[in-house]
Amino acid sequence: VIDFSRKGNISDPITLMADNPGTVFIQNSNLTGWTLGAWVHGGATGFRIQDINFKVLNNIGAGGSNAIQIESADNVEFYNNTINEVAGMGIVCKGGPLTSGVTSDNIWVLGNNFRPSGTNPFAQVTGLGHLSNEYYGSKGSHWMYVGQFGSNPDPNKGENWDHVNGCSKMVIANNTFVGATAGRDVQLGPALRNSYVVNNTF
């Protein structure tokens, strides 16, 4: 729904926000395929998403749609949003292609609510596009997965996990995480560096 790849002003970011917090919902109408609620990529900078609700689902077997995916972007903020159930993961942050060395820097996730849309605080919230006995339906879908490579290493090409990639200088602060995830509330991937996870409520 949101596809952003522009170079914005870092000190005065382009802001996409609801006039009345909590009244704008990003949901997919076609549940038969994989999709993203927001995709910030391609060297994007200076962008803020604020006061938006995300609930991005798909049918079981159709893939793992993510609410927000950041790739090769810098100086991006997610502030005071609500992320409800997702077929895959809530927020994914990764760098560019594996051998490029391109990172996503200064991504701030501040004061967001990660919770079920209903009244049951123990309801499953991530990995809903997969069966419960599948990896992404049991332990591979997180509220947040940060520090991921753009692609997995291929040992046949001499690639390994030592590439400089993923995310750097990321701040995850003052968020609330509720619900039963198929994975973890916050998964710090193999390429997250110089970052802070502080003052969150789990």
Protein backbone atom coordinates (compact mmCIF):
# COMPACT_ATOMS: atom_id res chain seq x y z
CA VAL A 1 0.00 0.00 0.00
CA ILE A 2 2.83 2.39 0.93
CA ASP A 3 5.81 2.26 -1.47
CA PHE A 4 8.46 4.86 -0.65
CA SER A 5 11.88 5.16 -2.30
CA ARG A 6 12.46 8.93 -2.39
CA LYS A 7 15.30 10.99 -0.94
CA GLY A 8 13.58 13.07 1.72
CA ASN A 9 14.97 15.80 3.98
CA ILE A 10 16.47 14.16 7.06
CA SER A 11 15.88 17.18 9.31
CA ASP A 12 12.32 17.70 8.01
CA PRO A 13 11.07 14.23 7.03
CA ILE A 14 8.15 13.55 4.74
CA THR A 15 5.44 12.44 7.17
CA LEU A 16 2.56 10.15 6.35
CA MET A 17 0.09 10.29 9.23
CA ALA A 18 -3.57 10.03 10.15
CA ASP A 19 -5.39 13.27 10.95
CA ASN A 20 -6.99 11.37 13.82
CA PRO A 21 -4.67 8.69 15.26
CA GLY A 22 -6.02 5.18 14.92
CA THR A 23 -8.57 5.95 12.18
CA VAL A 24 -6.50 4.89 9.15
CA PHE A 25 -6.07 1.15 8.52
CA ILE A 26 -3.65 -0.51 6.10
CA GLN A 27 -5.17 -3.90 5.23
CA ASN A 28 -4.98 -6.08 2.13
CA SER A 29 -8.15 -6.83 0.23
CA ASN A 30 -6.65 -9.74 -1.73
CA LEU A 31 -5.79 -12.57 0.66
CA THR A 32 -4.59 -14.97 -2.05
CA GLY A 33 -1.07 -13.58 -2.43
CA TRP A 34 1.96 -12.28 -0.54
CA THR A 35 2.14 -8.52 0.01
CA LEU A 36 3.55 -5.71 2.16
CA GLY A 37 1.67 -3.01 4.04
CA ALA A 38 4.57 -0.58 3.66
CA TRP A 39 7.81 -0.95 1.71
CA VAL A 40 10.56 1.63 2.32
CA HIS A 41 13.49 0.84 0.05
CA GLY A 42 15.91 1.81 -2.70
CA GLY A 43 17.99 4.34 -0.79
CA ALA A 44 14.98 6.13 0.71
CA THR A 45 15.72 8.78 3.36
CA GLY A 46 13.81 11.24 5.53
CA PHE A 47 10.46 9.46 5.93
CA ARG A 48 8.10 9.06 8.88
CA ILE A 49 4.96 6.90 9.26
CA GLN A 50 2.82 7.99 12.22
CA ASP A 51 -0.55 7.08 13.82
CA ILE A 52 -1.42 4.38 11.24
CA ASN A 53 -2.93 0.92 11.93
CA PHE A 54 -1.56 -2.12 10.07
CA LYS A 55 -3.25 -5.52 9.78
CA VAL A 56 -1.71 -7.39 6.85
CA LEU A 57 -2.91 -10.97 6.40
CA ASN A 58 -3.22 -13.57 3.68
CA ASN A 59 -4.61 -17.06 3.36
CA ILE A 60 -2.60 -19.96 4.77
CA GLY A 61 -0.19 -21.15 2.10
CA ALA A 62 -0.22 -17.85 0.18
CA GLY A 63 3.02 -16.62 1.80
CA GLY A 64 3.94 -14.49 4.76
CA SER A 65 2.83 -10.91 4.17
CA ASN A 66 4.69 -8.39 6.36
CA ALA A 67 3.24 -5.17 7.75
CA ILE A 68 6.37 -3.03 7.18
CA GLN A 69 9.58 -3.87 5.33
CA ILE A 70 12.66 -1.61 5.24
CA GLU A 71 15.46 -2.33 2.75
CA SER A 72 18.48 -0.13 2.01
CA ALA A 73 16.90 2.97 3.60
CA ASP A 74 18.24 5.54 6.06
CA ASN A 75 16.74 7.97 8.58
CA VAL A 76 13.25 6.48 8.69
CA GLU A 77 10.85 6.74 11.67
CA PHE A 78 7.85 4.68 12.71
CA TYR A 79 6.05 6.54 15.49
CA ASN A 80 2.88 5.74 17.44
CA ASN A 81 1.54 3.18 14.96
CA THR A 82 -0.44 0.05 15.80
CA ILE A 83 0.50 -3.26 14.21
CA ASN A 84 -2.10 -6.01 14.58
CA GLU A 85 -2.11 -9.56 13.25
CA VAL A 86 0.19 -10.30 10.31
CA ALA A 87 0.59 -13.27 8.00
CA GLY A 88 4.36 -13.03 8.38
CA MET A 89 6.16 -10.44 10.50
CA GLY A 90 5.36 -6.99 11.84
CA ILE A 91 8.51 -5.05 10.91
CA VAL A 92 11.46 -6.39 8.93
CA CYS A 93 14.63 -4.32 8.50
CA LYS A 94 17.46 -5.40 6.22
CA GLY A 95 20.22 -4.06 4.04
CA GLY A 96 20.76 -4.39 0.33
CA PRO A 97 21.91 -7.45 -1.62
CA LEU A 98 24.34 -9.58 0.34
CA THR A 99 27.60 -8.63 -1.35
CA SER A 100 26.71 -4.92 -1.74
CA GLY A 101 27.58 -3.92 1.83
CA VAL A 102 24.59 -1.52 1.76
CA THR A 103 22.99 -1.09 5.19
CA SER A 104 19.83 0.50 6.54
CA ASP A 105 20.92 3.15 9.06
CA ASN A 106 19.14 5.26 11.67
CA ILE A 107 15.80 3.45 11.61
CA TRP A 108 13.75 4.53 14.65
CA VAL A 109 10.79 2.49 15.91
CA LEU A 110 9.31 4.59 18.72
CA GLY A 111 6.14 4.35 20.81
CA ASN A 112 4.35 1.79 18.66
CA ASN A 113 1.74 -0.74 19.78
CA PHE A 114 2.20 -4.34 18.63
CA ARG A 115 -0.97 -6.15 19.74
CA PRO A 116 -3.89 -8.38 18.70
CA SER A 117 -6.86 -6.52 17.26
CA GLY A 118 -9.27 -8.35 19.56
CA THR A 119 -9.59 -8.45 23.33
CA ASN A 120 -7.59 -11.66 23.87
CA PRO A 121 -4.05 -10.61 24.82
CA PHE A 122 -2.78 -14.15 24.20
CA ALA A 123 -4.06 -14.48 20.63
CA GLN A 124 -1.50 -15.47 18.01
CA VAL A 125 -0.39 -12.40 16.11
CA THR A 126 2.43 -13.36 13.70
CA GLY A 127 2.95 -16.15 11.19
CA LEU A 128 -0.76 -16.47 10.46
CA GLY A 129 -0.11 -17.17 6.77
CA HIS A 130 1.53 -20.48 7.67
CA LEU A 131 0.44 -23.72 9.30
CA SER A 132 1.36 -24.13 12.97
CA ASN A 133 3.68 -27.05 12.17
CA GLU A 134 5.67 -25.03 9.62
CA TYR A 135 8.79 -23.08 10.56
CA TYR A 136 7.24 -19.65 9.88
CA GLY A 137 4.07 -20.67 11.67
CA SER A 138 5.82 -21.94 14.79
CA LYS A 139 9.12 -20.10 15.41
CA GLY A 140 10.14 -18.06 12.38
CA SER A 141 7.72 -15.12 12.35
CA HIS A 142 8.46 -12.25 14.74
CA TRP A 143 6.91 -8.93 15.67
CA MET A 144 10.25 -7.44 14.60
CA TYR A 145 13.16 -8.98 12.73
CA VAL A 146 15.99 -6.47 12.37
CA GLY A 147 19.49 -6.90 11.00
CA GLN A 148 18.72 -9.26 8.14
CA PHE A 149 20.81 -9.66 5.01
CA GLY A 150 19.20 -8.74 1.72
CA SER A 151 19.69 -12.36 0.70
CA ASN A 152 21.03 -15.43 2.45
CA PRO A 153 24.72 -16.36 2.07
CA ASP A 154 25.60 -18.95 -0.54
CA PRO A 155 28.56 -21.07 0.61
CA ASN A 156 28.98 -22.30 -2.98
CA LYS A 157 29.99 -18.73 -3.90
CA GLY A 158 32.32 -18.34 -0.94
CA GLU A 159 29.81 -16.12 0.89
CA ASN A 160 29.44 -16.18 4.66
CA TRP A 161 27.81 -14.28 7.53
CA ASP A 162 30.70 -11.79 7.86
CA HIS A 163 29.49 -9.32 5.25
CA VAL A 164 28.79 -5.74 6.37
CA ASN A 165 25.10 -5.48 5.66
CA GLY A 166 21.80 -5.43 7.55
CA CYS A 167 21.00 -2.53 9.90
CA SER A 168 23.08 -0.12 11.94
CA LYS A 169 22.23 2.60 14.46
CA MET A 170 18.69 1.35 14.93
CA VAL A 171 16.58 2.47 17.90
CA ILE A 172 13.67 0.38 19.21
CA ALA A 173 12.25 2.28 22.18
CA ASN A 174 9.07 2.81 24.20
CA ASN A 175 7.06 0.20 22.26
CA THR A 176 4.54 -2.27 23.69
CA PHE A 177 4.53 -5.91 22.52
CA VAL A 178 1.49 -8.12 23.27
CA GLY A 179 0.18 -11.40 21.87
CA ALA A 180 1.56 -14.86 21.12
CA THR A 181 4.09 -14.59 18.31
CA ALA A 182 5.02 -17.56 16.15
CA GLY A 183 8.60 -16.44 16.76
CA ARG A 184 9.87 -13.69 19.08
CA ASP A 185 8.81 -10.18 19.94
CA VAL A 186 12.15 -8.75 18.77
CA GLN A 187 14.65 -10.90 16.89
CA LEU A 188 18.08 -9.31 16.47
CA GLY A 189 19.46 -10.71 13.23
CA PRO A 190 23.08 -11.57 12.40
CA ALA A 191 23.82 -8.12 10.93
CA LEU A 192 22.50 -5.64 13.50
CA ARG A 193 25.17 -3.30 14.89
CA ASN A 194 25.50 -0.21 17.09
CA SER A 195 21.81 -0.23 18.00
CA TYR A 196 19.55 0.19 21.03
CA VAL A 197 16.54 -1.78 22.28
CA VAL A 198 15.41 0.19 25.36
CA ASN A 199 12.38 0.99 27.53
CA ASN A 200 10.01 -1.42 25.78
CA THR A 201 7.19 -3.35 27.45
CA PHE A 202 6.80 -7.07 26.71
